[in-house]
Protein backbone atom coordinates (compact mmCIF):
# COMPACT_ATOMS: atom_id res chain seq x y z
CA UNK A 1 0.00 0.00 0.00
CA UNK A 2 1.39 3.35 -1.03
CA UNK A 3 2.05 6.48 0.96
CA UNK A 4 0.37 8.73 -1.62
CA UNK A 5 -3.20 8.43 -2.83
CA UNK A 6 -1.91 8.10 -6.41
CA UNK A 7 0.07 5.00 -5.33
CA UNK A 8 -3.08 3.19 -4.11
CA UNK A 9 -5.91 1.62 -6.01
CA UNK A 10 -9.44 2.52 -5.01
CA UNK A 11 -9.87 -1.04 -3.73
CA UNK A 12 -6.79 -0.76 -1.49
CA UNK A 13 -8.09 2.52 -0.07
CA UNK A 14 -11.54 1.01 0.53
CA UNK A 15 -9.89 -1.89 2.38
CA UNK A 16 -8.05 0.61 4.61
CA UNK A 17 -11.30 2.45 5.38
CA UNK A 18 -13.13 -0.81 6.13
CA UNK A 19 -10.37 -1.90 8.54
CA UNK A 20 -10.56 1.46 10.32
CA UNK A 21 -14.37 1.25 10.51
CA UNK A 22 -14.24 -2.26 11.94
CA UNK A 23 -11.26 -1.52 14.22
CA UNK A 24 -9.63 -4.57 12.67
CA UNK A 25 -6.20 -4.04 14.24
CA UNK A 26 -4.32 -6.00 16.89
CA UNK A 27 -3.52 -2.91 18.96
CA UNK A 28 -4.89 0.56 19.59
CA UNK A 29 -1.61 1.99 18.27
CA UNK A 30 -2.06 0.19 14.94
CA UNK A 31 -5.61 1.54 14.71
CA UNK A 32 -4.44 5.08 15.51
CA UNK A 33 -1.61 4.78 12.97
CA UNK A 34 -4.12 3.72 10.30
CA UNK A 35 -6.34 6.72 11.10
CA UNK A 36 -3.34 9.05 10.82
CA UNK A 37 -2.40 7.43 7.51
CA UNK A 38 -5.99 7.95 6.29
CA UNK A 39 -5.78 11.64 7.18
CA UNK A 40 -2.39 12.08 5.49
CA UNK A 41 -3.48 10.23 2.35
CA UNK A 42 -6.78 12.01 1.85
CA UNK A 43 -5.72 15.57 2.75
CA UNK A 44 -9.47 16.14 3.26
CA UNK A 45 -10.25 19.03 5.64
CA UNK A 46 -12.67 16.86 7.65
CA UNK A 47 -10.02 14.18 8.19
CA UNK A 48 -11.17 11.21 10.25
CA UNK A 49 -14.49 12.96 10.99
CA UNK A 50 -15.57 11.49 7.64
CA UNK A 51 -15.43 8.10 9.35
CA UNK A 52 -16.35 8.84 12.94
CA UNK A 53 -18.79 11.75 12.53
CA UNK A 54 -20.29 11.36 9.05
CA UNK A 55 -23.01 13.57 7.65
CA UNK A 56 -26.49 12.00 7.75
CA UNK A 57 -27.02 9.55 4.89
CA UNK A 58 -23.25 9.38 4.24
CA UNK A 59 -22.27 6.67 6.70
CA UNK A 60 -20.16 3.72 5.63
CA UNK A 61 -16.84 2.99 3.96
CA UNK A 62 -18.19 3.36 0.41
CA UNK A 63 -19.52 6.85 1.17
CA UNK A 64 -16.17 7.83 2.68
CA UNK A 65 -14.31 6.67 -0.43
CA UNK A 66 -16.74 8.56 -2.69
CA UNK A 67 -16.46 11.75 -0.62
CA UNK A 68 -12.66 11.61 -0.65
CA UNK A 69 -12.56 10.84 -4.37
CA UNK A 70 -14.98 13.68 -5.22
CA UNK A 71 -13.20 16.18 -2.95
CA UNK A 72 -9.77 15.36 -4.37
CA UNK A 73 -11.03 15.73 -7.95
CA UNK A 74 -12.73 19.05 -7.15
CA UNK A 75 -9.52 20.35 -5.58
CA UNK A 76 -7.10 19.27 -8.32
CA UNK A 77 -5.52 16.48 -6.27
CA UNK A 78 -4.36 13.23 -7.89
CA UNK A 79 -6.77 10.32 -7.84
CA UNK A 80 -6.28 6.62 -7.31
CA UNK A 81 -3.84 4.43 -9.20
CA UNK A 82 -5.51 2.37 -11.94
CA UNK A 83 -6.58 -1.14 -10.88
PDB file of N, CA and C in Angstrom:
ATOM      1  N   UNK A   1       0.850  -1.169   0.000  1.00  0.00           N
ATOM      2  CA  UNK A   1       0.000   0.000   0.000  1.00  0.00           C
ATOM      3  C   UNK A   1       0.897   1.234   0.000  1.00  0.00           C
ATOM      4  N   UNK A   2       0.560   2.181  -0.862  1.00  0.00           N
ATOM      5  CA  UNK A   2       1.392   3.355  -1.031  1.00  0.00           C
ATOM      6  C   UNK A   2       1.262   4.378   0.090  1.00  0.00           C
ATOM      7  N   UNK A   3       2.105   5.390  -0.011  1.00  0.00           N
ATOM      8  CA  UNK A   3       2.053   6.484   0.957  1.00  0.00           C
ATOM      9  C   UNK A   3       1.403   7.724   0.356  1.00  0.00           C
ATOM     10  N   UNK A   4       1.105   7.674  -0.938  1.00  0.00           N
ATOM     11  CA  UNK A   4       0.366   8.729  -1.621  1.00  0.00           C
ATOM     12  C   UNK A   4      -0.906   8.124  -2.187  1.00  0.00           C
ATOM     13  N   UNK A   5      -1.940   8.930  -2.282  1.00  0.00           N
ATOM     14  CA  UNK A   5      -3.203   8.434  -2.832  1.00  0.00           C
ATOM     15  C   UNK A   5      -2.996   7.877  -4.242  1.00  0.00           C
ATOM     16  N   UNK A   6      -2.147   8.532  -5.030  1.00  0.00           N
ATOM     17  CA  UNK A   6      -1.910   8.101  -6.407  1.00  0.00           C
ATOM     18  C   UNK A   6      -1.138   6.786  -6.492  1.00  0.00           C
ATOM     19  N   UNK A   7      -0.635   6.289  -5.367  1.00  0.00           N
ATOM     20  CA  UNK A   7       0.066   5.001  -5.329  1.00  0.00           C
ATOM     21  C   UNK A   7      -0.850   3.867  -4.889  1.00  0.00           C
ATOM     22  N   UNK A   8      -2.116   4.192  -4.591  1.00  0.00           N
ATOM     23  CA  UNK A   8      -3.076   3.193  -4.108  1.00  0.00           C
ATOM     24  C   UNK A   8      -4.202   3.033  -5.118  1.00  0.00           C
ATOM     25  N   UNK A   9      -4.703   1.814  -5.226  1.00  0.00           N
ATOM     26  CA  UNK A   9      -5.915   1.623  -6.013  1.00  0.00           C
ATOM     27  C   UNK A   9      -7.110   1.990  -5.134  1.00  0.00           C
ATOM     28  N   UNK A  10      -8.234   2.214  -5.774  1.00  0.00           N
ATOM     29  CA  UNK A  10      -9.443   2.521  -5.006  1.00  0.00           C
ATOM     30  C   UNK A  10      -9.798   1.360  -4.084  1.00  0.00           C
ATOM     31  N   UNK A  11      -9.584   0.145  -4.542  1.00  0.00           N
ATOM     32  CA  UNK A  11      -9.873  -1.042  -3.731  1.00  0.00           C
ATOM     33  C   UNK A  11      -8.986  -1.086  -2.487  1.00  0.00           C
ATOM     34  N   UNK A  12      -7.701  -0.780  -2.640  1.00  0.00           N
ATOM     35  CA  UNK A  12      -6.790  -0.762  -1.486  1.00  0.00           C
ATOM     36  C   UNK A  12      -7.229   0.291  -0.470  1.00  0.00           C
ATOM     37  N   UNK A  13      -7.638   1.459  -0.968  1.00  0.00           N
ATOM     38  CA  UNK A  13      -8.090   2.516  -0.071  1.00  0.00           C
ATOM     39  C   UNK A  13      -9.370   2.103   0.640  1.00  0.00           C
ATOM     40  N   UNK A  14     -10.303   1.497  -0.090  1.00  0.00           N
ATOM     41  CA  UNK A  14     -11.539   1.013   0.527  1.00  0.00           C
ATOM     42  C   UNK A  14     -11.216  -0.003   1.620  1.00  0.00           C
ATOM     43  N   UNK A  15     -10.281  -0.898   1.360  1.00  0.00           N
ATOM     44  CA  UNK A  15      -9.891  -1.888   2.378  1.00  0.00           C
ATOM     45  C   UNK A  15      -9.344  -1.211   3.634  1.00  0.00           C
ATOM     46  N   UNK A  16      -8.557  -0.148   3.465  1.00  0.00           N
ATOM     47  CA  UNK A  16      -8.048   0.608   4.612  1.00  0.00           C
ATOM     48  C   UNK A  16      -9.205   1.210   5.403  1.00  0.00           C
ATOM     49  N   UNK A  17     -10.152   1.824   4.708  1.00  0.00           N
ATOM     50  CA  UNK A  17     -11.295   2.452   5.378  1.00  0.00           C
ATOM     51  C   UNK A  17     -12.133   1.405   6.112  1.00  0.00           C
ATOM     52  N   UNK A  18     -12.359   0.258   5.491  1.00  0.00           N
ATOM     53  CA  UNK A  18     -13.133  -0.815   6.129  1.00  0.00           C
ATOM     54  C   UNK A  18     -12.429  -1.280   7.408  1.00  0.00           C
ATOM     55  N   UNK A  19     -11.111  -1.464   7.343  1.00  0.00           N
ATOM     56  CA  UNK A  19     -10.371  -1.896   8.541  1.00  0.00           C
ATOM     57  C   UNK A  19     -10.479  -0.867   9.659  1.00  0.00           C
ATOM     58  N   UNK A  20     -10.418   0.413   9.307  1.00  0.00           N
ATOM     59  CA  UNK A  20     -10.558   1.462  10.325  1.00  0.00           C
ATOM     60  C   UNK A  20     -11.963   1.414  10.908  1.00  0.00           C
ATOM     61  N   UNK A  21     -12.976   1.315  10.052  1.00  0.00           N
ATOM     62  CA  UNK A  21     -14.370   1.247  10.511  1.00  0.00           C
ATOM     63  C   UNK A  21     -14.579   0.102  11.487  1.00  0.00           C
ATOM     64  N   UNK A  22     -14.026  -1.052  11.146  1.00  0.00           N
ATOM     65  CA  UNK A  22     -14.241  -2.262  11.944  1.00  0.00           C
ATOM     66  C   UNK A  22     -13.237  -2.403  13.089  1.00  0.00           C
ATOM     67  N   UNK A  23     -12.325  -1.451  13.217  1.00  0.00           N
ATOM     68  CA  UNK A  23     -11.256  -1.521  14.217  1.00  0.00           C
ATOM     69  C   UNK A  23     -10.590  -2.895  14.155  1.00  0.00           C
ATOM     70  N   UNK A  24     -10.196  -3.256  12.947  1.00  0.00           N
ATOM     71  CA  UNK A  24      -9.626  -4.569  12.668  1.00  0.00           C
ATOM     72  C   UNK A  24      -8.096  -4.535  12.800  1.00  0.00           C
ATOM     73  N   UNK A  25      -7.634  -4.141  13.965  1.00  0.00           N
ATOM     74  CA  UNK A  25      -6.204  -4.040  14.241  1.00  0.00           C
ATOM     75  C   UNK A  25      -5.907  -4.721  15.569  1.00  0.00           C
ATOM     76  N   UNK A  26      -4.702  -5.258  15.681  1.00  0.00           N
ATOM     77  CA  UNK A  26      -4.322  -5.995  16.889  1.00  0.00           C
ATOM     78  C   UNK A  26      -4.163  -5.078  18.098  1.00  0.00           C
ATOM     79  N   UNK A  27      -3.749  -3.835  17.847  1.00  0.00           N
ATOM     80  CA  UNK A  27      -3.521  -2.915  18.964  1.00  0.00           C
ATOM     81  C   UNK A  27      -4.169  -1.561  18.679  1.00  0.00           C
ATOM     82  N   UNK A  28      -4.354  -0.800  19.737  1.00  0.00           N
ATOM     83  CA  UNK A  28      -4.891   0.558  19.589  1.00  0.00           C
ATOM     84  C   UNK A  28      -3.915   1.434  18.805  1.00  0.00           C
ATOM     85  N   UNK A  29      -2.625   1.217  19.001  1.00  0.00           N
ATOM     86  CA  UNK A  29      -1.614   1.987  18.270  1.00  0.00           C
ATOM     87  C   UNK A  29      -1.724   1.743  16.769  1.00  0.00           C
ATOM     88  N   UNK A  30      -1.908   0.496  16.361  1.00  0.00           N
ATOM     89  CA  UNK A  30      -2.060   0.194  14.936  1.00  0.00           C
ATOM     90  C   UNK A  30      -3.299   0.883  14.368  1.00  0.00           C
ATOM     91  N   UNK A  31      -4.380   0.883  15.136  1.00  0.00           N
ATOM     92  CA  UNK A  31      -5.614   1.542  14.706  1.00  0.00           C
ATOM     93  C   UNK A  31      -5.375   3.048  14.564  1.00  0.00           C
ATOM     94  N   UNK A  32      -4.742   3.645  15.552  1.00  0.00           N
ATOM     95  CA  UNK A  32      -4.436   5.077  15.506  1.00  0.00           C
ATOM     96  C   UNK A  32      -3.523   5.404  14.329  1.00  0.00           C
ATOM     97  N   UNK A  33      -2.519   4.568  14.103  1.00  0.00           N
ATOM     98  CA  UNK A  33      -1.610   4.782  12.969  1.00  0.00           C
ATOM     99  C   UNK A  33      -2.368   4.733  11.644  1.00  0.00           C
ATOM    100  N   UNK A  34      -3.328   3.818  11.525  1.00  0.00           N
ATOM    101  CA  UNK A  34      -4.125   3.715  10.302  1.00  0.00           C
ATOM    102  C   UNK A  34      -4.979   4.970  10.106  1.00  0.00           C
ATOM    103  N   UNK A  35      -5.537   5.487  11.184  1.00  0.00           N
ATOM    104  CA  UNK A  35      -6.336   6.717  11.105  1.00  0.00           C
ATOM    105  C   UNK A  35      -5.455   7.885  10.658  1.00  0.00           C
ATOM    106  N   UNK A  36      -4.266   7.984  11.216  1.00  0.00           N
ATOM    107  CA  UNK A  36      -3.342   9.049  10.824  1.00  0.00           C
ATOM    108  C   UNK A  36      -2.920   8.904   9.365  1.00  0.00           C
ATOM    109  N   UNK A  37      -2.734   7.668   8.920  1.00  0.00           N
ATOM    110  CA  UNK A  37      -2.401   7.426   7.511  1.00  0.00           C
ATOM    111  C   UNK A  37      -3.565   7.860   6.625  1.00  0.00           C
ATOM    112  N   UNK A  38      -4.797   7.529   7.027  1.00  0.00           N
ATOM    113  CA  UNK A  38      -5.987   7.947   6.292  1.00  0.00           C
ATOM    114  C   UNK A  38      -5.996   9.467   6.132  1.00  0.00           C
ATOM    115  N   UNK A  39      -5.760  10.177   7.223  1.00  0.00           N
ATOM    116  CA  UNK A  39      -5.781  11.641   7.184  1.00  0.00           C
ATOM    117  C   UNK A  39      -4.688  12.192   6.270  1.00  0.00           C
ATOM    118  N   UNK A  40      -3.494  11.614   6.335  1.00  0.00           N
ATOM    119  CA  UNK A  40      -2.392  12.076   5.491  1.00  0.00           C
ATOM    120  C   UNK A  40      -2.658  11.781   4.020  1.00  0.00           C
ATOM    121  N   UNK A  41      -3.186  10.601   3.729  1.00  0.00           N
ATOM    122  CA  UNK A  41      -3.482  10.226   2.347  1.00  0.00           C
ATOM    123  C   UNK A  41      -4.544  11.118   1.723  1.00  0.00           C
ATOM    124  N   UNK A  42      -5.624  11.325   2.442  1.00  0.00           N
ATOM    125  CA  UNK A  42      -6.775  12.013   1.855  1.00  0.00           C
ATOM    126  C   UNK A  42      -6.569  13.510   1.725  1.00  0.00           C
ATOM    127  N   UNK A  43      -5.887  14.121   2.687  1.00  0.00           N
ATOM    128  CA  UNK A  43      -5.722  15.575   2.750  1.00  0.00           C
ATOM    129  C   UNK A  43      -7.069  16.294   2.878  1.00  0.00           C
ATOM    130  N   UNK A  44      -8.125  15.557   3.162  1.00  0.00           N
ATOM    131  CA  UNK A  44      -9.474  16.136   3.262  1.00  0.00           C
ATOM    132  C   UNK A  44      -9.567  16.984   4.527  1.00  0.00           C
ATOM    133  N   UNK A  45     -10.175  18.167   4.456  1.00  0.00           N
ATOM    134  CA  UNK A  45     -10.248  19.034   5.639  1.00  0.00           C
ATOM    135  C   UNK A  45     -11.018  18.428   6.817  1.00  0.00           C
ATOM    136  N   UNK A  46     -11.919  17.498   6.556  1.00  0.00           N
ATOM    137  CA  UNK A  46     -12.668  16.862   7.648  1.00  0.00           C
ATOM    138  C   UNK A  46     -11.905  15.710   8.281  1.00  0.00           C
ATOM    139  N   UNK A  47     -10.841  15.251   7.637  1.00  0.00           N
ATOM    140  CA  UNK A  47     -10.018  14.182   8.189  1.00  0.00           C
ATOM    141  C   UNK A  47     -10.824  12.963   8.604  1.00  0.00           C
ATOM    142  N   UNK A  48     -10.511  12.435   9.776  1.00  0.00           N
ATOM    143  CA  UNK A  48     -11.169  11.212  10.245  1.00  0.00           C
ATOM    144  C   UNK A  48     -12.618  11.440  10.663  1.00  0.00           C
ATOM    145  N   UNK A  49     -13.062  12.700  10.723  1.00  0.00           N
ATOM    146  CA  UNK A  49     -14.486  12.958  10.986  1.00  0.00           C
ATOM    147  C   UNK A  49     -15.362  12.335   9.902  1.00  0.00           C
ATOM    148  N   UNK A  50     -14.813  12.166   8.701  1.00  0.00           N
ATOM    149  CA  UNK A  50     -15.567  11.495   7.638  1.00  0.00           C
ATOM    150  C   UNK A  50     -15.981  10.090   8.070  1.00  0.00           C
ATOM    151  N   UNK A  51     -15.155   9.458   8.878  1.00  0.00           N
ATOM    152  CA  UNK A  51     -15.428   8.103   9.348  1.00  0.00           C
ATOM    153  C   UNK A  51     -16.231   8.123  10.646  1.00  0.00           C
ATOM    154  N   UNK A  52     -15.775   8.913  11.600  1.00  0.00           N
ATOM    155  CA  UNK A  52     -16.347   8.843  12.943  1.00  0.00           C
ATOM    156  C   UNK A  52     -17.541   9.760  13.181  1.00  0.00           C
ATOM    157  N   UNK A  53     -17.669  10.811  12.390  1.00  0.00           N
ATOM    158  CA  UNK A  53     -18.792  11.754  12.527  1.00  0.00           C
ATOM    159  C   UNK A  53     -19.343  12.106  11.147  1.00  0.00           C
ATOM    160  N   UNK A  54     -19.834  11.106  10.421  1.00  0.00           N
ATOM    161  CA  UNK A  54     -20.294  11.360   9.051  1.00  0.00           C
ATOM    162  C   UNK A  54     -21.570  12.202   9.017  1.00  0.00           C
ATOM    163  N   UNK A  55     -21.761  12.850   7.875  1.00  0.00           N
ATOM    164  CA  UNK A  55     -23.012  13.567   7.653  1.00  0.00           C
ATOM    165  C   UNK A  55     -24.131  12.536   7.552  1.00  0.00           C
ATOM    166  N   UNK A  56     -25.358  12.928   7.896  1.00  0.00           N
ATOM    167  CA  UNK A  56     -26.489  12.000   7.752  1.00  0.00           C
ATOM    168  C   UNK A  56     -26.555  11.473   6.316  1.00  0.00           C
ATOM    169  N   UNK A  57     -26.885  10.210   6.199  1.00  0.00           N
ATOM    170  CA  UNK A  57     -27.025   9.549   4.894  1.00  0.00           C
ATOM    171  C   UNK A  57     -25.681   9.287   4.207  1.00  0.00           C
ATOM    172  N   UNK A  58     -24.567   9.602   4.856  1.00  0.00           N
ATOM    173  CA  UNK A  58     -23.254   9.383   4.243  1.00  0.00           C
ATOM    174  C   UNK A  58     -22.379   8.517   5.141  1.00  0.00           C
ATOM    175  N   UNK A  59     -22.984   7.536   5.770  1.00  0.00           N
ATOM    176  CA  UNK A  59     -22.273   6.672   6.700  1.00  0.00           C
ATOM    177  C   UNK A  59     -21.865   5.385   5.998  1.00  0.00           C
ATOM    178  N   UNK A  60     -20.647   4.981   6.175  1.00  0.00           N
ATOM    179  CA  UNK A  60     -20.163   3.723   5.633  1.00  0.00           C
ATOM    180  C   UNK A  60     -18.917   3.928   4.796  1.00  0.00           C
ATOM    181  N   UNK A  61     -18.103   2.893   4.689  1.00  0.00           N
ATOM    182  CA  UNK A  61     -16.842   2.992   3.957  1.00  0.00           C
ATOM    183  C   UNK A  61     -16.992   3.460   2.511  1.00  0.00           C
ATOM    184  N   UNK A  62     -18.012   2.974   1.812  1.00  0.00           N
ATOM    185  CA  UNK A  62     -18.190   3.358   0.411  1.00  0.00           C
ATOM    186  C   UNK A  62     -18.460   4.855   0.280  1.00  0.00           C
ATOM    187  N   UNK A  63     -19.246   5.410   1.203  1.00  0.00           N
ATOM    188  CA  UNK A  63     -19.518   6.849   1.174  1.00  0.00           C
ATOM    189  C   UNK A  63     -18.249   7.648   1.458  1.00  0.00           C
ATOM    190  N   UNK A  64     -17.428   7.150   2.362  1.00  0.00           N
ATOM    191  CA  UNK A  64     -16.169   7.828   2.679  1.00  0.00           C
ATOM    192  C   UNK A  64     -15.279   7.864   1.441  1.00  0.00           C
ATOM    193  N   UNK A  65     -15.150   6.737   0.769  1.00  0.00           N
ATOM    194  CA  UNK A  65     -14.315   6.674  -0.431  1.00  0.00           C
ATOM    195  C   UNK A  65     -14.847   7.636  -1.491  1.00  0.00           C
ATOM    196  N   UNK A  66     -16.150   7.653  -1.703  1.00  0.00           N
ATOM    197  CA  UNK A  66     -16.741   8.557  -2.693  1.00  0.00           C
ATOM    198  C   UNK A  66     -16.489  10.013  -2.323  1.00  0.00           C
ATOM    199  N   UNK A  67     -16.682  10.368  -1.064  1.00  0.00           N
ATOM    200  CA  UNK A  67     -16.458  11.750  -0.615  1.00  0.00           C
ATOM    201  C   UNK A  67     -15.008  12.165  -0.840  1.00  0.00           C
ATOM    202  N   UNK A  68     -14.075  11.304  -0.475  1.00  0.00           N
ATOM    203  CA  UNK A  68     -12.655  11.606  -0.654  1.00  0.00           C
ATOM    204  C   UNK A  68     -12.332  11.744  -2.137  1.00  0.00           C
ATOM    205  N   UNK A  69     -12.811  10.817  -2.931  1.00  0.00           N
ATOM    206  CA  UNK A  69     -12.560  10.835  -4.374  1.00  0.00           C
ATOM    207  C   UNK A  69     -13.113  12.118  -5.000  1.00  0.00           C
ATOM    208  N   UNK A  70     -14.345  12.469  -4.673  1.00  0.00           N
ATOM    209  CA  UNK A  70     -14.976  13.677  -5.216  1.00  0.00           C
ATOM    210  C   UNK A  70     -14.241  14.936  -4.764  1.00  0.00           C
ATOM    211  N   UNK A  71     -13.888  14.998  -3.479  1.00  0.00           N
ATOM    212  CA  UNK A  71     -13.205  16.182  -2.952  1.00  0.00           C
ATOM    213  C   UNK A  71     -11.841  16.356  -3.611  1.00  0.00           C
ATOM    214  N   UNK A  72     -11.099  15.265  -3.750  1.00  0.00           N
ATOM    215  CA  UNK A  72      -9.773  15.356  -4.365  1.00  0.00           C
ATOM    216  C   UNK A  72      -9.881  15.822  -5.809  1.00  0.00           C
ATOM    217  N   UNK A  73     -10.847  15.309  -6.555  1.00  0.00           N
ATOM    218  CA  UNK A  73     -11.032  15.728  -7.951  1.00  0.00           C
ATOM    219  C   UNK A  73     -11.396  17.214  -8.021  1.00  0.00           C
ATOM    220  N   UNK A  74     -12.285  17.655  -7.151  1.00  0.00           N
ATOM    221  CA  UNK A  74     -12.732  19.055  -7.147  1.00  0.00           C
ATOM    222  C   UNK A  74     -11.614  20.017  -6.746  1.00  0.00           C
ATOM    223  N   UNK A  75     -10.604  19.499  -6.061  1.00  0.00           N
ATOM    224  CA  UNK A  75      -9.517  20.349  -5.579  1.00  0.00           C
ATOM    225  C   UNK A  75      -8.196  20.113  -6.312  1.00  0.00           C
ATOM    226  N   UNK A  76      -8.279  19.462  -7.476  1.00  0.00           N
ATOM    227  CA  UNK A  76      -7.102  19.269  -8.316  1.00  0.00           C
ATOM    228  C   UNK A  76      -6.049  18.342  -7.750  1.00  0.00           C
ATOM    229  N   UNK A  77      -6.459  17.443  -6.871  1.00  0.00           N
ATOM    230  CA  UNK A  77      -5.523  16.483  -6.271  1.00  0.00           C
ATOM    231  C   UNK A  77      -5.519  15.203  -7.110  1.00  0.00           C
ATOM    232  N   UNK A  78      -4.402  14.489  -7.144  1.00  0.00           N
ATOM    233  CA  UNK A  78      -4.362  13.232  -7.891  1.00  0.00           C
ATOM    234  C   UNK A  78      -5.352  12.213  -7.335  1.00  0.00           C
ATOM    235  N   UNK A  79      -5.844  11.372  -8.231  1.00  0.00           N
ATOM    236  CA  UNK A  79      -6.774  10.318  -7.841  1.00  0.00           C
ATOM    237  C   UNK A  79      -6.047   9.013  -7.555  1.00  0.00           C
ATOM    238  N   UNK A  80      -6.824   7.939  -7.602  1.00  0.00           N
ATOM    239  CA  UNK A  80      -6.279   6.618  -7.314  1.00  0.00           C
ATOM    240  C   UNK A  80      -5.486   6.074  -8.493  1.00  0.00           C
ATOM    241  N   UNK A  81      -4.575   5.170  -8.182  1.00  0.00           N
ATOM    242  CA  UNK A  81      -3.840   4.428  -9.197  1.00  0.00           C
ATOM    243  C   UNK A  81      -4.833   3.509  -9.898  1.00  0.00           C
ATOM    244  N   UNK A  82      -4.632   3.274 -11.190  1.00  0.00           N
ATOM    245  CA  UNK A  82      -5.509   2.369 -11.936  1.00  0.00           C
ATOM    246  C   UNK A  82      -5.401   0.959 -11.368  1.00  0.00           C
ATOM    247  N   UNK A  83      -6.541   0.239 -11.400  1.00  0.00           N
ATOM    248  CA  UNK A  83      -6.582  -1.141 -10.881  1.00  0.00           C
ATOM    249  C   UNK A  83      -5.751  -2.043 -11.764  1.00  0.00           C
TER     250      UNK A  83
END
